[in-house]
Structures are given as C-alpha cells and as structure tokens.
C-alpha cells in the first residue's frame, strides 16, 4: 500500500500525513492539522494516471 500524502501545514509548517480518497476524484475538504489542530483546506487532484496531488491552504484565506 502506498504511503499517505504528506503536506506542510500552512499554519505551523510541520509536514503531516493526510488521508485522501482517490476513488472520489478531485475534491476539496477540511482537515485539522495533527500538530497544531488548525483547519487546513485540502485540495486533492487525481490525475488520469492515478497520481495524487494534495495542496494545503489556510482555511481563512
């Protein structure tokens, strides 16, 4: 099984693992940072070849 994507938290800067559902295609969701508990907006993109890209943004941007 592949490792879960890791993204830097836009609040505290720590790199955290995030859970994504590649079967859902591209989507946006909110997940709390495992370190500082701030809400991150995660933009998940799934390319046709199956490559997953995750971008973390501040929820207040």
C-alpha atoms as a PDB file:
ATOM      1  CA  UNK A   1       0.000   0.000   0.000  1.00  0.00           C
ATOM      2  CA  UNK A   2       1.269   3.483  -0.856  1.00  0.00           C
ATOM      3  CA  UNK A   3       2.229   5.950   1.827  1.00  0.00           C
ATOM      4  CA  UNK A   4      -0.391   8.639   2.528  1.00  0.00           C
ATOM      5  CA  UNK A   5       0.414  12.055   1.034  1.00  0.00           C
ATOM      6  CA  UNK A   6       2.366  14.455   3.258  1.00  0.00           C
ATOM      7  CA  UNK A   7       1.847  18.208   3.123  1.00  0.00           C
ATOM      8  CA  UNK A   8       3.248  21.146   5.080  1.00  0.00           C
ATOM      9  CA  UNK A   9       0.700  22.738   7.404  1.00  0.00           C
ATOM     10  CA  UNK A  10       0.055  26.322   6.251  1.00  0.00           C
ATOM     11  CA  UNK A  11      -0.160  27.427   9.920  1.00  0.00           C
ATOM     12  CA  UNK A  12       2.692  25.751  11.812  1.00  0.00           C
ATOM     13  CA  UNK A  13       4.841  24.475   8.903  1.00  0.00           C
ATOM     14  CA  UNK A  14       5.063  20.881  10.150  1.00  0.00           C
ATOM     15  CA  UNK A  15       4.807  18.239   7.426  1.00  0.00           C
ATOM     16  CA  UNK A  16       1.848  15.975   8.221  1.00  0.00           C
ATOM     17  CA  UNK A  17       0.293  12.899   6.603  1.00  0.00           C
ATOM     18  CA  UNK A  18      -3.233  13.347   5.290  1.00  0.00           C
ATOM     19  CA  UNK A  19      -5.865  10.798   4.339  1.00  0.00           C
ATOM     20  CA  UNK A  20      -7.317  11.102   0.847  1.00  0.00           C
ATOM     21  CA  UNK A  21      -9.830   9.060  -1.145  1.00  0.00           C
ATOM     22  CA  UNK A  22      -8.504   8.692  -4.708  1.00  0.00           C
ATOM     23  CA  UNK A  23     -11.731   6.981  -5.788  1.00  0.00           C
ATOM     24  CA  UNK A  24     -13.555  10.294  -5.234  1.00  0.00           C
ATOM     25  CA  UNK A  25     -11.543  12.019  -7.985  1.00  0.00           C
ATOM     26  CA  UNK A  26     -10.667  15.668  -7.354  1.00  0.00           C
ATOM     27  CA  UNK A  27     -12.254  17.315  -4.329  1.00  0.00           C
ATOM     28  CA  UNK A  28     -11.765  19.856  -1.552  1.00  0.00           C
ATOM     29  CA  UNK A  29     -12.111  19.055   2.146  1.00  0.00           C
ATOM     30  CA  UNK A  30     -11.181  20.467   5.557  1.00  0.00           C
ATOM     31  CA  UNK A  31      -8.872  18.518   7.881  1.00  0.00           C
ATOM     32  CA  UNK A  32      -7.324  19.647  11.162  1.00  0.00           C
ATOM     33  CA  UNK A  33      -3.540  19.658  11.383  1.00  0.00           C
ATOM     34  CA  UNK A  34      -2.343  16.767  13.569  1.00  0.00           C
ATOM     35  CA  UNK A  35       0.230  19.074  15.210  1.00  0.00           C
ATOM     36  CA  UNK A  36      -1.434  22.470  15.782  1.00  0.00           C
ATOM     37  CA  UNK A  37      -5.117  21.499  15.259  1.00  0.00           C
ATOM     38  CA  UNK A  38      -5.771  24.386  12.851  1.00  0.00           C
ATOM     39  CA  UNK A  39      -8.203  23.652   9.986  1.00  0.00           C
ATOM     40  CA  UNK A  40      -6.436  23.132   6.646  1.00  0.00           C
ATOM     41  CA  UNK A  41      -8.276  23.256   3.337  1.00  0.00           C
ATOM     42  CA  UNK A  42      -7.036  20.304   1.290  1.00  0.00           C
ATOM     43  CA  UNK A  43      -7.412  20.420  -2.478  1.00  0.00           C
ATOM     44  CA  UNK A  44      -6.992  16.904  -3.835  1.00  0.00           C
ATOM     45  CA  UNK A  45      -6.337  16.285  -7.534  1.00  0.00           C
ATOM     46  CA  UNK A  46      -6.186  12.807  -9.071  1.00  0.00           C
ATOM     47  CA  UNK A  47      -4.524  12.672 -12.485  1.00  0.00           C
ATOM     48  CA  UNK A  48      -5.711  10.178 -15.148  1.00  0.00           C
ATOM     49  CA  UNK A  49      -2.629   8.020 -14.456  1.00  0.00           C
ATOM     50  CA  UNK A  50      -3.544   7.826 -10.760  1.00  0.00           C
ATOM     51  CA  UNK A  51      -1.017  10.374  -9.463  1.00  0.00           C
ATOM     52  CA  UNK A  52      -2.418  12.226  -6.443  1.00  0.00           C
ATOM     53  CA  UNK A  53      -1.580  15.861  -5.706  1.00  0.00           C
ATOM     54  CA  UNK A  54      -2.624  17.498  -2.429  1.00  0.00           C
ATOM     55  CA  UNK A  55      -2.393  21.231  -1.757  1.00  0.00           C
ATOM     56  CA  UNK A  56      -2.915  22.512   1.799  1.00  0.00           C
ATOM     57  CA  UNK A  57      -4.154  26.071   2.320  1.00  0.00           C
ATOM     58  CA  UNK A  58      -5.224  28.105   5.319  1.00  0.00           C
ATOM     59  CA  UNK A  59      -8.957  27.816   5.927  1.00  0.00           C
ATOM     60  CA  UNK A  60      -9.143  31.594   6.471  1.00  0.00           C
ATOM     61  CA  UNK A  61      -7.578  32.543   3.090  1.00  0.00           C
END
